[in-house]
Amino acid sequence: VMTIIQIDLANRKQVRDFLNLPPRIYKDIPQWVPPLDGEERARLIPSRYPFYRHSAAAFFLKYRDGIPVGRLAVLDNRLYNDHNHEKTAFFYLFECESDPVSACDLFGSAFDWARSRGLNKILGPKGFTALDGLGLLVKGFELRPALGLPYNPTYYPGLIEAQGLIKAGEIVSGYLGADIQFPERIHELAARIRERRGLRIARFRTRRELRAALNHLKALYNGALEGTSGGTPITDEEIKSLANQMLWFADPNLIKIVMKDDRAVGFLLAYPDISAALQKTKGRLFPFGWVTILRELHATGRININGAGMIEEYRGLGGTAILYSEMFKSVVENPRYQSAEVVQIGLENERMQREMENFGVDFYKIHRTYQKDLS
């Protein structure tokens, strides 16, 4: 017997069934990294999760003979739609057995929900916050994902494309080794630009210093969206939530903010990669998972670079050279770090990708976003 439901977030069994499906789907896939358990649960608690202050979501679950076989979330992100002048739904958290009928039922329910809210397009996989990984993995299945980066079985693209969804864009992630021959001229250009424009790089030694600096991040992130499309502004409550999340696994030395006098004009976010620890703890911090994760924070030789931007007025005129220079320094300044994964650069940013390939970055993963007209 096949049934599909929109889960009641007050029903503990339904929430548990939704959250417990991925470990069954990935039980024979050694590359998969479980998400942090507490963060996954928080998304399903509207009274506590900042997203629901401005937006709405629905969660669908497909059962076969009482056993969950597929799930899907669909989001109405009003901040995104207001910023981009769109009526777009996001789909996210798709997990499913290799069963086209179940996938069809899940997406059909999501399409109906989106249309009922006056939305005329669906896009995804795209999540709740700026730190949620984007897209469906289509290249690089043999590699363990960086923290927060989506991973999925090889058959997912076929299931999604069968629903009439077509490619919207692709995002690449690349490998940056500490041994690459980074052009000295980029460091020299970055130094000249900093001096000419009166810029400095704010560095941090402690989490307390970092927390104080993160007050700049909301204005900085929203400022970096100016003149671009496809982004979502973040609220005060969301930046506080993201800051708490970041500070948990941050190395203060890896977070850098470009300052002009007392104004933040650029940022580079990088973190130690704790994905191996999450595999060991199955994503659970308690009762003792946090010990394993703290150990990995101080032992890993790999970092994830997953955020870089300049506000519009500083983007040209060598501004990106400063980010490239600091990106490379992040890998080589601490002898413990041997490599970095440069996470999710949009393929439409061809110039940035070409420049980074010239520096020796090997783009070895591709994530794809899909869209469908619902009107």
Protein backbone atom coordinates (compact mmCIF):
# COMPACT_ATOMS: atom_id res chain seq x y z
CA VAL A 1 0.00 0.00 0.00
CA MET A 2 1.43 3.38 -1.07
CA THR A 3 0.48 6.59 0.74
CA ILE A 4 1.77 10.16 0.66
CA ILE A 5 1.26 12.73 3.43
CA GLN A 6 2.16 16.32 4.21
CA ILE A 7 3.68 15.81 7.61
CA ASP A 8 2.22 17.45 10.68
CA LEU A 9 5.22 19.10 12.39
CA ALA A 10 3.54 18.51 15.76
CA ASN A 11 3.45 14.73 15.10
CA ARG A 12 6.66 13.28 16.53
CA LYS A 13 6.44 10.00 14.63
CA GLN A 14 6.03 11.74 11.27
CA VAL A 15 8.93 14.11 12.01
CA ARG A 16 11.06 11.16 13.12
CA ASP A 17 10.20 9.24 9.93
CA PHE A 18 11.20 12.28 7.83
CA LEU A 19 14.54 12.70 9.64
CA ASN A 20 15.41 8.99 9.75
CA LEU A 21 15.04 8.28 6.03
CA PRO A 22 18.51 9.43 4.80
CA PRO A 23 20.56 6.91 6.85
CA ARG A 24 18.56 4.12 5.18
CA ILE A 25 19.07 5.56 1.69
CA TYR A 26 22.84 5.96 2.22
CA LYS A 27 23.60 2.89 4.31
CA ASP A 28 25.80 1.37 1.55
CA ILE A 29 27.37 4.66 0.35
CA PRO A 30 30.61 5.31 2.31
CA GLN A 31 31.07 8.87 0.97
CA TRP A 32 27.88 10.24 2.55
CA VAL A 33 28.32 12.66 5.48
CA PRO A 34 25.36 12.88 7.89
CA PRO A 35 24.19 16.44 8.62
CA LEU A 36 24.38 17.81 12.15
CA ASP A 37 21.40 16.21 13.86
CA GLY A 38 20.37 19.28 15.87
CA GLU A 39 20.29 21.53 12.80
CA GLU A 40 18.17 19.05 10.85
CA ARG A 41 15.64 18.89 13.67
CA ALA A 42 15.57 22.68 14.10
CA ARG A 43 14.28 23.16 10.54
CA LEU A 44 11.13 21.29 11.50
CA ILE A 45 10.36 23.46 14.56
CA PRO A 46 8.62 26.60 13.23
CA SER A 47 8.48 28.29 16.64
CA ARG A 48 12.30 28.24 16.89
CA TYR A 49 13.66 28.42 13.34
CA PRO A 50 14.14 32.00 11.98
CA PHE A 51 13.04 31.11 8.42
CA TYR A 52 9.41 30.81 9.52
CA ARG A 53 9.27 34.43 10.72
CA HIS A 54 9.04 35.53 7.09
CA SER A 55 8.38 32.41 5.01
CA ALA A 56 6.65 29.03 4.87
CA ALA A 57 7.49 25.41 4.05
CA ALA A 58 5.76 22.04 3.64
CA PHE A 59 7.27 18.57 4.08
CA PHE A 60 6.02 15.52 2.18
CA LEU A 61 6.63 11.87 3.01
CA LYS A 62 5.92 8.80 0.89
CA TYR A 63 5.23 5.43 2.58
CA ARG A 64 5.15 1.91 1.20
CA ASP A 65 3.41 -0.53 3.57
CA GLY A 66 4.00 1.91 6.43
CA ILE A 67 7.74 2.32 5.73
CA PRO A 68 9.08 5.70 4.49
CA VAL A 69 10.58 5.45 0.99
CA GLY A 70 10.82 9.12 -0.06
CA ARG A 71 10.62 12.68 1.23
CA LEU A 72 10.66 16.25 -0.10
CA ALA A 73 10.47 19.79 1.32
CA VAL A 74 9.04 22.73 -0.63
CA LEU A 75 9.72 26.33 0.46
CA ASP A 76 8.01 29.66 -0.15
CA ASN A 77 10.90 32.02 0.65
CA ARG A 78 9.34 35.47 0.60
CA LEU A 79 12.64 37.31 1.15
CA TYR A 80 14.04 35.66 -2.00
CA ASN A 81 10.93 36.44 -4.03
CA ASP A 82 10.77 40.05 -2.86
CA HIS A 83 14.48 40.62 -3.61
CA ASN A 84 14.32 38.99 -7.05
CA HIS A 85 10.76 40.06 -8.01
CA GLU A 86 9.77 36.43 -8.57
CA LYS A 87 7.13 33.92 -7.49
CA THR A 88 9.44 30.94 -7.10
CA ALA A 89 9.21 27.90 -4.83
CA PHE A 90 12.34 26.01 -3.74
CA PHE A 91 12.51 22.24 -3.40
CA TYR A 92 14.97 20.79 -0.90
CA LEU A 93 15.78 17.76 1.29
CA PHE A 94 14.80 15.32 -1.50
CA GLU A 95 15.61 11.72 -0.62
CA CYS A 96 14.07 8.73 -2.34
CA GLU A 97 14.56 5.09 -3.16
CA SER A 98 15.15 4.34 -6.84
CA ASP A 99 11.41 4.47 -7.49
CA PRO A 100 10.05 6.79 -10.22
CA VAL A 101 6.46 6.51 -8.94
CA SER A 102 7.39 7.73 -5.45
CA ALA A 103 9.45 10.60 -6.88
CA CYS A 104 6.52 11.56 -9.14
CA ASP A 105 4.09 11.58 -6.19
CA LEU A 106 6.43 13.70 -4.05
CA PHE A 107 7.07 16.31 -6.72
CA GLY A 108 3.41 16.34 -7.73
CA SER A 109 2.48 17.22 -4.14
CA ALA A 110 5.17 19.92 -4.04
CA PHE A 111 3.96 21.44 -7.33
CA ASP A 112 0.37 21.53 -6.04
CA TRP A 113 1.42 23.19 -2.76
CA ALA A 114 3.46 25.82 -4.62
CA ARG A 115 0.63 26.62 -7.02
CA SER A 116 -1.81 26.92 -4.10
CA ARG A 117 0.38 29.77 -2.79
CA GLY A 118 0.41 31.60 -6.13
CA LEU A 119 3.95 30.53 -7.06
CA ASN A 120 4.61 29.97 -10.77
CA LYS A 121 8.04 28.31 -10.83
CA ILE A 122 10.03 25.79 -8.78
CA LEU A 123 13.82 25.77 -8.35
CA GLY A 124 16.22 23.59 -6.45
CA PRO A 125 17.65 21.89 -4.60
CA LYS A 126 17.88 25.18 -2.69
CA GLY A 127 17.65 25.50 1.07
CA PHE A 128 16.49 27.67 3.94
CA THR A 129 19.61 29.80 4.56
CA ALA A 130 22.66 31.25 2.87
CA LEU A 131 24.84 28.49 4.35
CA ASP A 132 22.74 25.61 3.01
CA GLY A 133 24.50 23.74 0.23
CA LEU A 134 23.01 24.20 -3.22
CA GLY A 135 22.15 21.83 -6.04
CA LEU A 136 22.23 18.14 -6.88
CA LEU A 137 25.58 16.36 -7.25
CA VAL A 138 26.16 15.29 -10.88
CA LYS A 139 29.97 14.90 -10.87
CA GLY A 140 32.35 13.82 -8.09
CA PHE A 141 30.34 10.94 -6.57
CA GLU A 142 33.56 9.15 -5.56
CA LEU A 143 34.58 11.99 -3.21
CA ARG A 144 33.46 12.72 0.34
CA PRO A 145 31.51 16.00 0.45
CA ALA A 146 32.73 19.02 2.36
CA LEU A 147 30.69 20.02 5.41
CA GLY A 148 27.25 21.20 4.36
CA LEU A 149 27.72 20.31 0.70
CA PRO A 150 24.98 18.15 -0.84
CA TYR A 151 25.66 14.53 -1.68
CA ASN A 152 23.21 12.15 -3.35
CA PRO A 153 23.02 8.78 -5.10
CA THR A 154 23.83 8.67 -8.82
CA TYR A 155 20.20 7.93 -9.78
CA TYR A 156 18.75 11.19 -8.37
CA PRO A 157 19.28 13.31 -11.54
CA GLY A 158 17.19 10.79 -13.51
CA LEU A 159 14.36 10.86 -10.97
CA ILE A 160 14.27 14.67 -10.96
CA GLU A 161 14.53 15.11 -14.73
CA ALA A 162 11.61 12.67 -15.17
CA GLN A 163 9.40 15.25 -13.40
CA GLY A 164 9.91 17.76 -16.21
CA LEU A 165 12.56 19.73 -14.34
CA ILE A 166 15.34 21.13 -16.54
CA LYS A 167 18.82 22.44 -15.78
CA ALA A 168 18.80 25.95 -14.31
CA GLY A 169 22.52 26.28 -13.58
CA GLU A 170 25.65 24.51 -12.38
CA ILE A 171 27.99 25.19 -9.48
CA VAL A 172 31.55 23.88 -9.28
CA SER A 173 33.76 23.06 -6.30
CA GLY A 174 37.52 22.70 -6.58
CA TYR A 175 40.65 21.36 -4.90
CA LEU A 176 43.38 23.77 -3.85
CA GLY A 177 46.60 22.13 -2.63
CA ALA A 178 49.14 23.88 -0.42
CA ASP A 179 51.81 22.90 -2.97
CA ILE A 180 50.40 24.82 -5.94
CA GLN A 181 52.51 27.56 -7.49
CA PHE A 182 50.29 30.54 -6.74
CA PRO A 183 51.30 33.57 -8.87
CA GLU A 184 53.31 36.03 -6.78
CA ARG A 185 51.94 38.84 -8.98
CA ILE A 186 48.47 38.29 -7.42
CA HIS A 187 49.86 38.87 -3.91
CA GLU A 188 51.68 41.98 -5.22
CA LEU A 189 48.54 43.30 -6.93
CA ALA A 190 46.48 42.66 -3.78
CA ALA A 191 49.02 44.57 -1.67
CA ARG A 192 48.98 47.53 -4.10
CA ILE A 193 45.16 47.63 -4.18
CA ARG A 194 44.97 47.51 -0.36
CA GLU A 195 47.43 50.40 -0.06
CA ARG A 196 45.85 52.50 -2.83
CA ARG A 197 42.29 52.10 -1.56
CA GLY A 198 43.09 52.22 2.15
CA LEU A 199 41.93 48.64 2.83
CA ARG A 200 43.08 46.30 5.58
CA ILE A 201 42.40 42.66 6.42
CA ALA A 202 40.80 42.16 9.83
CA ARG A 203 42.14 38.98 11.44
CA PHE A 204 40.87 37.22 14.56
CA ARG A 205 42.53 35.18 17.27
CA THR A 206 39.62 34.17 19.48
CA ARG A 207 35.97 33.24 19.06
CA ARG A 208 35.01 36.26 21.17
CA GLU A 209 36.73 38.60 18.69
CA LEU A 210 35.09 36.72 15.84
CA ARG A 211 31.60 36.97 17.34
CA ALA A 212 31.97 40.75 17.65
CA ALA A 213 33.10 40.98 14.02
CA LEU A 214 30.18 38.92 12.77
CA ASN A 215 27.96 41.92 13.48
CA HIS A 216 29.38 43.21 10.18
CA LEU A 217 28.37 40.10 8.30
CA LYS A 218 24.69 40.89 7.69
CA ALA A 219 25.38 44.30 6.09
CA LEU A 220 28.31 42.78 4.22
CA TYR A 221 26.43 39.79 2.87
CA ASN A 222 23.37 41.82 1.89
CA GLY A 223 25.66 44.47 0.37
CA ALA A 224 27.40 41.82 -1.74
CA LEU A 225 23.97 40.89 -3.18
CA GLU A 226 23.51 44.37 -4.64
CA GLY A 227 23.62 44.32 -8.42
CA THR A 228 23.22 40.52 -8.50
CA SER A 229 20.26 38.20 -8.84
CA GLY A 230 19.46 34.81 -7.34
CA GLY A 231 20.43 35.62 -3.76
CA THR A 232 18.39 35.99 -0.59
CA PRO A 233 18.92 38.80 1.95
CA ILE A 234 19.40 37.62 5.54
CA THR A 235 17.69 38.97 8.64
CA ASP A 236 19.16 39.87 12.06
CA GLU A 237 17.74 36.69 13.55
CA GLU A 238 19.17 34.53 10.77
CA ILE A 239 22.63 36.09 11.06
CA LYS A 240 22.59 35.37 14.80
CA SER A 241 21.63 31.75 14.11
CA LEU A 242 24.27 31.42 11.38
CA ALA A 243 26.89 32.98 13.64
CA ASN A 244 26.17 30.45 16.40
CA GLN A 245 26.46 27.67 13.83
CA MET A 246 29.72 29.03 12.37
CA LEU A 247 31.34 29.66 15.74
CA TRP A 248 30.84 26.04 16.70
CA PHE A 249 33.41 24.82 14.16
CA ALA A 250 35.31 27.99 13.21
CA ASP A 251 39.05 28.53 13.30
CA PRO A 252 39.17 32.32 13.90
CA ASN A 253 42.36 32.58 11.83
CA LEU A 254 40.50 31.41 8.73
CA ILE A 255 37.75 34.09 8.81
CA LYS A 256 38.87 37.34 7.20
CA ILE A 257 37.02 40.61 6.72
CA VAL A 258 38.22 43.35 4.35
CA MET A 259 37.83 46.73 6.07
CA LYS A 260 37.77 50.31 4.77
CA ASP A 261 38.26 52.39 7.92
CA ASP A 262 35.48 51.05 10.21
CA ARG A 263 33.34 49.68 7.38
CA ALA A 264 33.44 46.05 6.25
CA VAL A 265 33.59 45.81 2.43
CA GLY A 266 34.58 42.18 1.79
CA PHE A 267 34.76 38.79 3.45
CA LEU A 268 36.32 35.34 3.16
CA LEU A 269 34.79 32.47 5.15
CA ALA A 270 36.72 29.24 5.61
CA TYR A 271 36.45 26.43 8.15
CA PRO A 272 38.31 23.28 9.16
CA ASP A 273 36.67 20.30 7.45
CA ILE A 274 34.95 18.11 10.07
CA SER A 275 33.09 15.83 7.64
CA ALA A 276 35.09 12.75 8.70
CA ALA A 277 34.08 13.34 12.34
CA LEU A 278 30.40 13.66 11.37
CA GLN A 279 30.64 10.27 9.67
CA LYS A 280 32.00 8.76 12.90
CA THR A 281 29.35 10.38 15.13
CA LYS A 282 26.46 9.93 12.62
CA GLY A 283 25.91 13.69 12.91
CA ARG A 284 25.13 13.59 16.62
CA LEU A 285 26.81 15.99 19.06
CA PHE A 286 25.45 14.37 22.20
CA PRO A 287 26.24 12.70 24.44
CA PHE A 288 29.87 12.35 23.27
CA GLY A 289 29.93 13.27 19.58
CA TRP A 290 31.20 16.78 20.35
CA VAL A 291 34.45 15.26 21.69
CA THR A 292 35.11 13.55 18.35
CA ILE A 293 34.26 16.74 16.45
CA LEU A 294 36.51 18.93 18.63
CA ARG A 295 39.35 16.45 18.10
CA GLU A 296 38.83 16.62 14.33
CA LEU A 297 38.77 20.45 14.43
CA HIS A 298 42.31 20.38 15.79
CA ALA A 299 43.56 17.49 13.65
CA THR A 300 42.14 17.91 10.15
CA GLY A 301 44.56 18.96 7.43
CA ARG A 302 41.81 20.25 5.17
CA ILE A 303 39.71 23.41 5.08
CA ASN A 304 36.55 24.41 3.26
CA ILE A 305 36.43 27.86 1.66
CA ASN A 306 32.72 28.45 1.27
CA GLY A 307 32.06 32.15 1.12
CA ALA A 308 33.79 35.12 -0.47
CA GLY A 309 32.45 38.45 -1.64
CA MET A 310 32.99 42.18 -1.98
CA ILE A 311 30.34 44.87 -1.94
CA GLU A 312 29.63 46.22 -5.40
CA GLU A 313 31.75 49.39 -5.31
CA TYR A 314 34.90 47.37 -4.43
CA ARG A 315 34.33 44.38 -6.73
CA GLY A 316 36.29 45.69 -9.68
CA LEU A 317 39.65 47.44 -9.67
CA GLY A 318 41.50 44.43 -8.25
CA GLY A 319 39.14 43.74 -5.34
CA THR A 320 38.91 40.05 -6.21
CA ALA A 321 42.73 39.83 -6.19
CA ILE A 322 42.59 40.53 -2.45
CA LEU A 323 40.18 37.61 -1.98
CA TYR A 324 42.33 35.27 -4.11
CA SER A 325 45.45 36.26 -2.19
CA GLU A 326 43.82 35.72 1.19
CA MET A 327 42.29 32.44 -0.01
CA PHE A 328 45.72 31.03 -0.82
CA LYS A 329 47.24 32.39 2.40
CA SER A 330 44.53 30.58 4.38
CA VAL A 331 45.85 27.25 3.08
CA VAL A 332 49.57 27.89 3.50
CA GLU A 333 49.82 30.06 6.64
CA ASN A 334 49.16 27.15 9.01
CA PRO A 335 51.48 24.20 8.25
CA ARG A 336 48.75 21.84 9.50
CA TYR A 337 46.52 22.58 6.52
CA GLN A 338 47.47 20.66 3.38
CA SER A 339 44.53 21.44 1.12
CA ALA A 340 41.27 23.30 0.72
CA GLU A 341 38.01 22.71 -1.06
CA VAL A 342 36.79 25.91 -2.74
CA VAL A 343 33.07 25.34 -2.38
CA GLN A 344 30.38 26.12 -4.94
CA ILE A 345 31.30 28.80 -7.48
CA GLY A 346 28.53 29.47 -10.00
CA LEU A 347 29.49 28.40 -13.53
CA GLU A 348 27.98 31.67 -14.78
CA ASN A 349 30.96 33.31 -13.03
CA GLU A 350 33.21 32.08 -15.84
CA ARG A 351 35.91 34.67 -15.27
CA MET A 352 36.39 33.69 -11.62
CA GLN A 353 36.47 29.99 -12.51
CA ARG A 354 38.97 30.54 -15.33
CA GLU A 355 41.23 32.64 -13.10
CA MET A 356 41.14 30.03 -10.35
CA GLU A 357 41.93 27.23 -12.81
CA ASN A 358 44.93 29.28 -13.92
CA PHE A 359 46.06 29.37 -10.26
CA GLY A 360 45.95 25.56 -10.16
CA VAL A 361 42.48 24.92 -8.67
CA ASP A 362 41.12 21.58 -9.93
CA PHE A 363 37.31 21.80 -10.25
CA TYR A 364 36.36 18.22 -9.52
CA LYS A 365 32.71 18.44 -8.39
CA ILE A 366 29.62 19.79 -10.11
CA HIS A 367 26.22 20.45 -8.51
CA ARG A 368 23.25 21.23 -10.74
CA THR A 369 20.10 23.20 -9.97
CA TYR A 370 16.82 22.42 -11.72
CA GLN A 371 13.72 24.43 -12.49
CA LYS A 372 10.20 23.98 -13.85
CA ASP A 373 7.51 26.42 -14.93
CA LEU A 374 4.36 25.82 -12.84
CA SER A 375 2.09 28.38 -14.50
